[in-house]
Amino acid sequence: MAFSGKYETESQEGYEAFCKLLGIPDDIIEKGRDYKLVTEVVQNGNDFTWTQHYPNNHQVSNKFVIGKECDMETIGGKKFKATVTMDGGKLHTQFPNYTHSTEISGGKLIEISTATTASGPVVLKRVSKKL
């Protein structure tokens, strides 16, 4: 399956501005700035388990089926309902404050989160290499 695997952050752009927009405290932003986030994806057809491993053994795991509403959780523990869609090999999810798209390109996991503000979009782009 295209997404299955374990990935580690290689680079990210827009991290601080995006985190500040979401209200993440400065000390947490600083801890996460150089952290190599590990994302583990298990895909079985349209069924996914998506787990992200954060500092201090914190992890967030979401299970979803493409095209079906499911319960999800943010890193901050906020629970919400969402429907993950797939279009042209990209996964799309509407989080409470932003949109998130994910694709595999050149063997890398590319994640783009976009929040819309009055002064324009704030974008976080994370590129992760396969382990």
Protein backbone atom coordinates (compact mmCIF):
# COMPACT_ATOMS: atom_id res chain seq x y z
CA MET A 1 0.00 0.00 0.00
CA ALA A 2 1.25 3.44 -0.93
CA PHE A 3 1.25 5.07 2.53
CA SER A 4 2.26 2.12 4.73
CA GLY A 5 5.55 2.60 6.55
CA LYS A 6 7.42 4.47 9.24
CA TYR A 7 8.64 7.99 8.49
CA GLU A 8 10.86 10.49 10.31
CA THR A 9 10.81 14.27 9.88
CA GLU A 10 13.51 15.43 7.51
CA SER A 11 12.50 19.09 7.14
CA GLN A 12 9.67 21.46 7.94
CA GLU A 13 8.75 24.96 6.85
CA GLY A 14 6.41 27.36 8.65
CA TYR A 15 6.53 25.37 11.90
CA GLU A 16 6.70 28.23 14.41
CA ALA A 17 4.08 30.48 12.77
CA PHE A 18 1.67 27.56 12.39
CA CYS A 19 2.11 26.40 16.01
CA LYS A 20 1.62 29.95 17.32
CA LEU A 21 -1.58 30.27 15.29
CA LEU A 22 -2.89 27.08 16.93
CA GLY A 23 -2.09 28.51 20.38
CA ILE A 24 0.71 26.11 21.25
CA PRO A 25 2.84 27.56 24.09
CA ASP A 26 6.33 28.86 23.25
CA ASP A 27 8.12 26.28 25.43
CA ILE A 28 6.36 23.42 23.62
CA ILE A 29 7.14 24.99 20.23
CA GLU A 30 10.81 25.22 21.23
CA LYS A 31 10.92 21.55 22.33
CA GLY A 32 9.35 20.42 19.07
CA ARG A 33 11.35 22.63 16.73
CA ASP A 34 14.17 20.14 16.12
CA TYR A 35 12.32 17.01 17.20
CA LYS A 36 12.31 14.24 14.61
CA LEU A 37 8.62 13.32 14.65
CA VAL A 38 8.02 9.68 13.72
CA THR A 39 4.84 8.93 11.80
CA GLU A 40 3.74 5.32 11.47
CA VAL A 41 1.11 4.46 8.86
CA VAL A 42 -0.65 1.14 8.44
CA GLN A 43 -2.82 1.02 5.33
CA ASN A 44 -5.04 -1.87 4.36
CA GLY A 45 -6.99 -0.76 1.28
CA ASN A 46 -9.09 2.20 2.45
CA ASP A 47 -8.52 1.46 6.17
CA PHE A 48 -5.77 3.44 7.89
CA THR A 49 -4.14 3.63 11.30
CA TRP A 50 -2.07 6.82 11.54
CA THR A 51 0.16 7.21 14.60
CA GLN A 52 2.49 10.09 15.37
CA HIS A 53 5.13 9.72 18.09
CA TYR A 54 5.98 12.97 19.92
CA PRO A 55 8.54 13.83 22.65
CA ASN A 56 8.12 12.36 26.15
CA ASN A 57 6.53 9.17 24.77
CA HIS A 58 3.36 11.07 23.80
CA GLN A 59 1.58 9.65 20.77
CA VAL A 60 -1.63 10.32 18.89
CA SER A 61 -3.23 7.53 16.90
CA ASN A 62 -6.19 7.93 14.57
CA LYS A 63 -8.02 5.18 12.70
CA PHE A 64 -10.08 6.04 9.67
CA VAL A 65 -11.66 4.67 6.51
CA ILE A 66 -11.50 6.79 3.36
CA GLY A 67 -14.85 8.47 2.74
CA LYS A 68 -16.39 7.59 6.12
CA GLU A 69 -16.84 9.95 9.07
CA CYS A 70 -14.71 8.97 12.04
CA ASP A 71 -13.62 10.21 15.46
CA MET A 72 -10.19 11.82 15.44
CA GLU A 73 -7.91 13.53 17.95
CA THR A 74 -5.42 16.39 17.68
CA ILE A 75 -2.01 16.50 19.40
CA GLY A 76 -3.61 18.70 22.05
CA GLY A 77 -6.18 16.02 22.84
CA LYS A 78 -9.09 17.78 21.14
CA LYS A 79 -11.54 15.27 19.72
CA PHE A 80 -13.50 15.96 16.56
CA LYS A 81 -15.32 14.22 13.73
CA ALA A 82 -13.86 14.23 10.23
CA THR A 83 -14.07 12.45 6.91
CA VAL A 84 -10.75 11.73 5.24
CA THR A 85 -10.97 11.80 1.46
CA MET A 86 -8.53 10.72 -1.23
CA ASP A 87 -8.05 12.56 -4.48
CA GLY A 88 -5.28 11.77 -6.94
CA GLY A 89 -3.31 9.81 -4.34
CA LYS A 90 -3.52 12.61 -1.75
CA LEU A 91 -5.32 12.30 1.57
CA HIS A 92 -7.33 15.35 2.68
CA THR A 93 -8.66 16.05 6.18
CA GLN A 94 -10.47 19.04 7.66
CA PHE A 95 -9.19 19.61 11.21
CA PRO A 96 -11.02 22.10 13.48
CA ASN A 97 -8.72 25.05 12.60
CA TYR A 98 -6.98 23.98 9.41
CA THR A 99 -6.91 21.66 6.42
CA HIS A 100 -4.35 18.90 6.06
CA SER A 101 -3.19 17.07 2.94
CA THR A 102 -0.75 14.20 2.72
CA GLU A 103 0.90 12.42 -0.16
CA ILE A 104 3.82 10.16 -0.97
CA SER A 105 6.20 11.78 -3.44
CA GLY A 106 9.65 10.45 -4.30
CA GLY A 107 9.32 7.92 -1.48
CA LYS A 108 8.80 10.70 1.08
CA LEU A 109 5.75 11.56 3.15
CA ILE A 110 4.74 15.16 2.37
CA GLU A 111 2.27 16.80 4.77
CA ILE A 112 0.83 20.28 4.25
CA SER A 113 -1.36 21.93 6.87
CA THR A 114 -3.03 25.23 5.93
CA ALA A 115 -4.88 27.60 8.23
CA THR A 116 -6.70 30.59 6.79
CA THR A 117 -6.39 33.89 8.64
CA ALA A 118 -7.52 37.44 7.92
CA SER A 119 -3.98 38.25 6.78
CA GLY A 120 -3.74 35.19 4.51
CA PRO A 121 -2.85 31.50 4.78
CA VAL A 122 -0.40 30.12 7.33
CA VAL A 123 1.20 26.92 6.02
CA LEU A 124 3.20 24.17 7.68
CA LYS A 125 4.99 21.83 5.29
CA ARG A 126 6.63 18.72 6.72
CA VAL A 127 8.73 16.31 4.68
CA SER A 128 9.53 12.92 6.22
CA LYS A 129 11.88 10.19 4.98
CA LYS A 130 10.98 6.53 5.15
CA LEU A 131 12.80 4.56 7.83
